Amino acid sequence: MLKGLGGLGDMAGMMKKAQEMQTKMAEMQEELSRIVVIGESGAGLVRARATAKGELTGLEIDPSIFVASEKEVVEDLILAAIKDAQGKAAERSRAELAKLTEGLGLPPGMQLPF
């Protein structure tokens, strides 16, 4: 098709692949906002729900931990559950990105920006 134009044929192919990747990345971002992960702490006494994009969407706290003298413990459990959910969200996001980039021929471990 572009045989007489030297490397421009390859450039057109690269541009097409880049557009395809951009479309797939947008689809993946949408999917990540629908995937829910749950982080927990205190053996499940506190649970935090987040999307795979890391957006906190809910918090469940077992009422048994509401004791005025244990306020700091409750705060620590809440933070731990949120951090757990965010960690799981980041890992899920990395896993989904790895699935997307498998067929692109990129070097293993190459990080793509979001």
N, C-alpha and C. Protein backbone atom coordinates (compact mmCIF):
# COMPACT_ATOMS: atom_id res chain seq x y z
N MET A 1 0.82 -1.19 0.00
CA MET A 1 0.00 0.00 0.00
C MET A 1 0.86 1.25 0.00
N LEU A 2 1.76 1.38 0.98
CA LEU A 2 2.66 2.52 1.03
C LEU A 2 4.09 2.07 0.74
N LYS A 3 4.23 1.10 -0.11
CA LYS A 3 5.51 0.47 -0.37
C LYS A 3 6.57 1.46 -0.83
N GLY A 4 6.21 2.41 -1.66
CA GLY A 4 7.19 3.34 -2.20
C GLY A 4 7.56 4.46 -1.24
N LEU A 5 6.99 4.48 -0.06
CA LEU A 5 7.25 5.58 0.87
C LEU A 5 8.22 5.18 1.99
N GLY A 6 8.91 4.10 1.82
CA GLY A 6 9.92 3.70 2.81
C GLY A 6 9.28 3.32 4.14
N GLY A 7 9.76 3.94 5.23
CA GLY A 7 9.31 3.60 6.58
C GLY A 7 7.96 4.18 6.95
N LEU A 8 7.34 4.95 6.07
CA LEU A 8 6.05 5.54 6.41
C LEU A 8 4.96 4.50 6.57
N GLY A 9 5.07 3.40 5.87
CA GLY A 9 4.10 2.31 6.02
C GLY A 9 4.13 1.77 7.44
N ASP A 10 5.34 1.62 7.99
CA ASP A 10 5.47 1.17 9.37
C ASP A 10 4.91 2.20 10.32
N MET A 11 5.12 3.47 10.02
CA MET A 11 4.62 4.55 10.88
C MET A 11 3.09 4.52 10.92
N ALA A 12 2.47 4.29 9.76
CA ALA A 12 1.00 4.22 9.72
C ALA A 12 0.51 3.05 10.58
N GLY A 13 1.21 1.93 10.51
CA GLY A 13 0.84 0.77 11.33
C GLY A 13 1.00 1.06 12.81
N MET A 14 2.07 1.77 13.15
CA MET A 14 2.31 2.12 14.55
C MET A 14 1.22 3.07 15.05
N MET A 15 0.83 4.02 14.21
CA MET A 15 -0.21 4.97 14.59
C MET A 15 -1.54 4.24 14.80
N LYS A 16 -1.82 3.29 13.96
CA LYS A 16 -3.06 2.51 14.09
C LYS A 16 -3.04 1.74 15.41
N LYS A 17 -1.90 1.10 15.71
CA LYS A 17 -1.78 0.36 16.97
C LYS A 17 -1.92 1.30 18.17
N ALA A 18 -1.35 2.49 18.07
CA ALA A 18 -1.44 3.46 19.16
C ALA A 18 -2.90 3.87 19.37
N GLN A 19 -3.64 4.06 18.30
CA GLN A 19 -5.06 4.40 18.43
C GLN A 19 -5.84 3.26 19.05
N GLU A 20 -5.54 2.04 18.63
CA GLU A 20 -6.21 0.88 19.20
C GLU A 20 -5.92 0.77 20.69
N MET A 21 -4.66 1.01 21.05
CA MET A 21 -4.28 0.94 22.46
C MET A 21 -4.99 2.03 23.26
N GLN A 22 -5.10 3.21 22.70
CA GLN A 22 -5.77 4.31 23.38
C GLN A 22 -7.24 3.95 23.63
N THR A 23 -7.88 3.35 22.65
CA THR A 23 -9.27 2.92 22.80
C THR A 23 -9.39 1.86 23.88
N LYS A 24 -8.47 0.89 23.85
CA LYS A 24 -8.50 -0.18 24.86
C LYS A 24 -8.22 0.38 26.26
N MET A 25 -7.34 1.36 26.36
CA MET A 25 -7.04 1.97 27.67
C MET A 25 -8.29 2.67 28.21
N ALA A 26 -9.01 3.36 27.35
CA ALA A 26 -10.24 4.05 27.77
C ALA A 26 -11.27 3.03 28.24
N GLU A 27 -11.39 1.92 27.51
CA GLU A 27 -12.31 0.86 27.92
C GLU A 27 -11.89 0.26 29.25
N MET A 28 -10.59 0.08 29.44
CA MET A 28 -10.09 -0.49 30.68
C MET A 28 -10.37 0.46 31.85
N GLN A 29 -10.18 1.75 31.64
CA GLN A 29 -10.45 2.73 32.70
C GLN A 29 -11.92 2.65 33.12
N GLU A 30 -12.79 2.50 32.16
CA GLU A 30 -14.22 2.37 32.45
C GLU A 30 -14.48 1.09 33.24
N GLU A 31 -13.84 0.01 32.84
CA GLU A 31 -14.00 -1.27 33.54
C GLU A 31 -13.47 -1.17 34.96
N LEU A 32 -12.34 -0.49 35.16
CA LEU A 32 -11.76 -0.36 36.50
C LEU A 32 -12.71 0.38 37.44
N SER A 33 -13.51 1.27 36.90
CA SER A 33 -14.44 2.00 37.76
C SER A 33 -15.63 1.13 38.16
N ARG A 34 -15.83 -0.01 37.47
CA ARG A 34 -16.91 -0.93 37.82
C ARG A 34 -16.45 -2.08 38.72
N ILE A 35 -15.15 -2.36 38.73
CA ILE A 35 -14.63 -3.45 39.55
C ILE A 35 -14.55 -2.98 41.00
N VAL A 36 -15.06 -3.79 41.92
CA VAL A 36 -15.06 -3.45 43.34
C VAL A 36 -14.12 -4.39 44.08
N VAL A 37 -13.28 -3.81 44.94
CA VAL A 37 -12.42 -4.60 45.82
C VAL A 37 -12.79 -4.24 47.26
N ILE A 38 -12.52 -5.17 48.17
CA ILE A 38 -12.85 -4.93 49.58
C ILE A 38 -11.60 -5.13 50.41
N GLY A 39 -11.27 -4.10 51.17
CA GLY A 39 -10.16 -4.17 52.12
C GLY A 39 -10.75 -4.32 53.51
N GLU A 40 -10.02 -4.99 54.38
CA GLU A 40 -10.55 -5.14 55.73
C GLU A 40 -9.44 -5.11 56.77
N SER A 41 -9.86 -4.87 57.99
CA SER A 41 -8.92 -4.89 59.11
C SER A 41 -9.68 -5.38 60.34
N GLY A 42 -8.93 -5.70 61.39
CA GLY A 42 -9.55 -6.19 62.62
C GLY A 42 -10.33 -7.46 62.39
N ALA A 43 -9.80 -8.37 61.59
CA ALA A 43 -10.45 -9.65 61.28
C ALA A 43 -11.86 -9.43 60.74
N GLY A 44 -12.02 -8.40 59.91
CA GLY A 44 -13.30 -8.14 59.27
C GLY A 44 -14.22 -7.19 60.03
N LEU A 45 -13.76 -6.65 61.15
CA LEU A 45 -14.60 -5.71 61.90
C LEU A 45 -14.81 -4.41 61.13
N VAL A 46 -13.83 -4.05 60.30
CA VAL A 46 -13.95 -2.86 59.46
C VAL A 46 -13.66 -3.28 58.02
N ARG A 47 -14.58 -2.91 57.13
CA ARG A 47 -14.43 -3.23 55.70
C ARG A 47 -14.59 -1.96 54.89
N ALA A 48 -13.68 -1.77 53.94
CA ALA A 48 -13.74 -0.62 53.05
C ALA A 48 -13.90 -1.14 51.62
N ARG A 49 -14.86 -0.57 50.90
CA ARG A 49 -15.08 -0.91 49.49
C ARG A 49 -14.51 0.20 48.63
N ALA A 50 -13.86 -0.20 47.54
CA ALA A 50 -13.29 0.77 46.62
C ALA A 50 -13.37 0.21 45.20
N THR A 51 -13.32 1.11 44.23
CA THR A 51 -13.22 0.66 42.84
C THR A 51 -11.77 0.29 42.59
N ALA A 52 -11.53 -0.41 41.49
CA ALA A 52 -10.16 -0.77 41.14
C ALA A 52 -9.35 0.47 40.75
N LYS A 53 -10.02 1.60 40.59
CA LYS A 53 -9.32 2.86 40.34
C LYS A 53 -8.89 3.51 41.66
N GLY A 54 -9.31 2.92 42.80
CA GLY A 54 -8.90 3.44 44.10
C GLY A 54 -9.89 4.38 44.75
N GLU A 55 -11.07 4.56 44.15
CA GLU A 55 -12.08 5.45 44.72
C GLU A 55 -12.85 4.72 45.82
N LEU A 56 -12.81 5.25 47.03
CA LEU A 56 -13.50 4.66 48.16
C LEU A 56 -15.01 4.84 47.95
N THR A 57 -15.76 3.72 48.03
CA THR A 57 -17.20 3.79 47.77
C THR A 57 -18.04 3.39 48.97
N GLY A 58 -17.44 2.82 49.99
CA GLY A 58 -18.23 2.42 51.15
C GLY A 58 -17.35 1.99 52.32
N LEU A 59 -17.96 2.03 53.49
CA LEU A 59 -17.26 1.66 54.71
C LEU A 59 -18.25 0.97 55.64
N GLU A 60 -17.92 -0.22 56.10
CA GLU A 60 -18.77 -0.96 57.04
C GLU A 60 -17.99 -1.15 58.33
N ILE A 61 -18.62 -0.79 59.44
CA ILE A 61 -17.97 -0.91 60.73
C ILE A 61 -18.88 -1.72 61.66
N ASP A 62 -18.34 -2.78 62.21
CA ASP A 62 -19.09 -3.59 63.17
C ASP A 62 -19.36 -2.74 64.41
N PRO A 63 -20.61 -2.63 64.84
CA PRO A 63 -20.93 -1.78 65.98
C PRO A 63 -20.25 -2.18 67.29
N SER A 64 -19.79 -3.40 67.37
CA SER A 64 -19.17 -3.86 68.62
C SER A 64 -17.87 -3.12 68.95
N ILE A 65 -17.30 -2.42 67.97
CA ILE A 65 -16.03 -1.74 68.25
C ILE A 65 -16.22 -0.29 68.69
N PHE A 66 -17.47 0.15 68.79
CA PHE A 66 -17.72 1.53 69.22
C PHE A 66 -17.74 1.64 70.75
N VAL A 67 -16.56 1.79 71.28
CA VAL A 67 -16.39 2.01 72.70
C VAL A 67 -15.58 3.30 72.82
N ALA A 68 -16.09 4.25 73.58
CA ALA A 68 -15.46 5.58 73.66
C ALA A 68 -13.97 5.49 74.01
N SER A 69 -13.61 4.59 74.90
CA SER A 69 -12.21 4.50 75.30
C SER A 69 -11.32 3.89 74.22
N GLU A 70 -11.93 3.30 73.18
CA GLU A 70 -11.18 2.65 72.10
C GLU A 70 -11.19 3.48 70.81
N LYS A 71 -11.46 4.75 70.91
CA LYS A 71 -11.56 5.63 69.75
C LYS A 71 -10.34 5.52 68.84
N GLU A 72 -9.14 5.57 69.38
CA GLU A 72 -7.92 5.51 68.57
C GLU A 72 -7.79 4.17 67.86
N VAL A 73 -8.20 3.10 68.52
CA VAL A 73 -8.14 1.77 67.89
C VAL A 73 -9.08 1.73 66.70
N VAL A 74 -10.29 2.26 66.87
CA VAL A 74 -11.26 2.29 65.78
C VAL A 74 -10.72 3.10 64.61
N GLU A 75 -10.14 4.25 64.89
CA GLU A 75 -9.57 5.08 63.83
C GLU A 75 -8.47 4.33 63.09
N ASP A 76 -7.62 3.62 63.83
CA ASP A 76 -6.55 2.85 63.20
C ASP A 76 -7.12 1.73 62.32
N LEU A 77 -8.17 1.07 62.81
CA LEU A 77 -8.79 -0.01 62.02
C LEU A 77 -9.40 0.54 60.73
N ILE A 78 -10.02 1.70 60.82
CA ILE A 78 -10.61 2.32 59.63
C ILE A 78 -9.52 2.65 58.62
N LEU A 79 -8.45 3.28 59.08
CA LEU A 79 -7.35 3.61 58.16
C LEU A 79 -6.73 2.35 57.56
N ALA A 80 -6.57 1.31 58.37
CA ALA A 80 -5.98 0.07 57.86
C ALA A 80 -6.87 -0.56 56.79
N ALA A 81 -8.18 -0.54 56.99
CA ALA A 81 -9.10 -1.11 56.00
C ALA A 81 -9.05 -0.31 54.70
N ILE A 82 -8.99 1.00 54.81
CA ILE A 82 -8.92 1.85 53.62
C ILE A 82 -7.61 1.59 52.86
N LYS A 83 -6.51 1.53 53.60
CA LYS A 83 -5.22 1.26 52.94
C LYS A 83 -5.22 -0.12 52.28
N ASP A 84 -5.84 -1.11 52.93
CA ASP A 84 -5.93 -2.44 52.35
C ASP A 84 -6.73 -2.40 51.05
N ALA A 85 -7.86 -1.69 51.06
CA ALA A 85 -8.67 -1.57 49.85
C ALA A 85 -7.90 -0.87 48.74
N GLN A 86 -7.18 0.19 49.08
CA GLN A 86 -6.41 0.91 48.07
C GLN A 86 -5.29 0.04 47.50
N GLY A 87 -4.65 -0.75 48.35
CA GLY A 87 -3.61 -1.66 47.88
C GLY A 87 -4.18 -2.71 46.93
N LYS A 88 -5.34 -3.27 47.29
CA LYS A 88 -5.99 -4.26 46.43
C LYS A 88 -6.43 -3.62 45.12
N ALA A 89 -6.89 -2.38 45.19
CA ALA A 89 -7.30 -1.67 43.97
C ALA A 89 -6.11 -1.47 43.04
N ALA A 90 -4.99 -1.06 43.60
CA ALA A 90 -3.78 -0.85 42.79
C ALA A 90 -3.32 -2.15 42.15
N GLU A 91 -3.36 -3.24 42.91
CA GLU A 91 -2.94 -4.53 42.38
C GLU A 91 -3.88 -4.99 41.26
N ARG A 92 -5.17 -4.81 41.46
CA ARG A 92 -6.14 -5.20 40.44
C ARG A 92 -5.95 -4.37 39.18
N SER A 93 -5.70 -3.09 39.36
CA SER A 93 -5.46 -2.21 38.23
C SER A 93 -4.23 -2.66 37.44
N ARG A 94 -3.16 -3.01 38.16
CA ARG A 94 -1.95 -3.52 37.48
C ARG A 94 -2.23 -4.80 36.72
N ALA A 95 -3.03 -5.69 37.33
CA ALA A 95 -3.36 -6.96 36.67
C ALA A 95 -4.18 -6.72 35.40
N GLU A 96 -5.13 -5.81 35.47
CA GLU A 96 -5.94 -5.50 34.28
C GLU A 96 -5.08 -4.87 33.18
N LEU A 97 -4.15 -4.01 33.56
CA LEU A 97 -3.27 -3.38 32.58
C LEU A 97 -2.36 -4.43 31.94
N ALA A 98 -1.90 -5.38 32.74
CA ALA A 98 -1.04 -6.44 32.20
C ALA A 98 -1.79 -7.24 31.15
N LYS A 99 -3.08 -7.52 31.39
CA LYS A 99 -3.89 -8.24 30.41
C LYS A 99 -3.98 -7.45 29.11
N LEU A 100 -4.16 -6.15 29.25
CA LEU A 100 -4.30 -5.27 28.08
C LEU A 100 -3.03 -5.23 27.25
N THR A 101 -1.88 -5.14 27.91
CA THR A 101 -0.62 -4.95 27.20
C THR A 101 0.04 -6.24 26.74
N GLU A 102 -0.50 -7.40 27.14
CA GLU A 102 0.10 -8.69 26.74
C GLU A 102 0.31 -8.80 25.24
N GLY A 103 -0.70 -8.45 24.47
CA GLY A 103 -0.65 -8.64 23.03
C GLY A 103 0.01 -7.51 22.27
N LEU A 104 0.52 -6.51 22.97
CA LEU A 104 1.08 -5.36 22.27
C LEU A 104 2.57 -5.50 21.95
N GLY A 105 3.20 -6.53 22.47
CA GLY A 105 4.62 -6.72 22.20
C GLY A 105 5.52 -5.76 22.96
N LEU A 106 5.03 -5.23 24.08
CA LEU A 106 5.85 -4.32 24.89
C LEU A 106 6.81 -5.12 25.76
N PRO A 107 7.94 -4.55 26.13
CA PRO A 107 8.87 -5.26 26.99
C PRO A 107 8.20 -5.59 28.34
N PRO A 108 8.50 -6.75 28.93
CA PRO A 108 7.91 -7.11 30.21
C PRO A 108 8.20 -6.07 31.27
N GLY A 109 7.20 -5.75 32.07
CA GLY A 109 7.39 -4.80 33.15
C GLY A 109 7.31 -3.35 32.75
N MET A 110 7.07 -3.07 31.48
CA MET A 110 6.99 -1.68 31.04
C MET A 110 5.78 -1.01 31.68
N GLN A 111 5.99 0.12 32.32
CA GLN A 111 4.91 0.84 32.98
C GLN A 111 4.31 1.87 32.04
N LEU A 112 2.98 1.84 31.92
CA LEU A 112 2.28 2.82 31.12
C LEU A 112 1.57 3.79 32.06
N PRO A 113 1.54 5.06 31.73
CA PRO A 113 0.87 6.04 32.60
C PRO A 113 -0.65 5.92 32.46
N PHE A 114 -1.32 6.35 33.53
CA PHE A 114 -2.79 6.42 33.52
C PHE A 114 -3.18 7.84 33.52
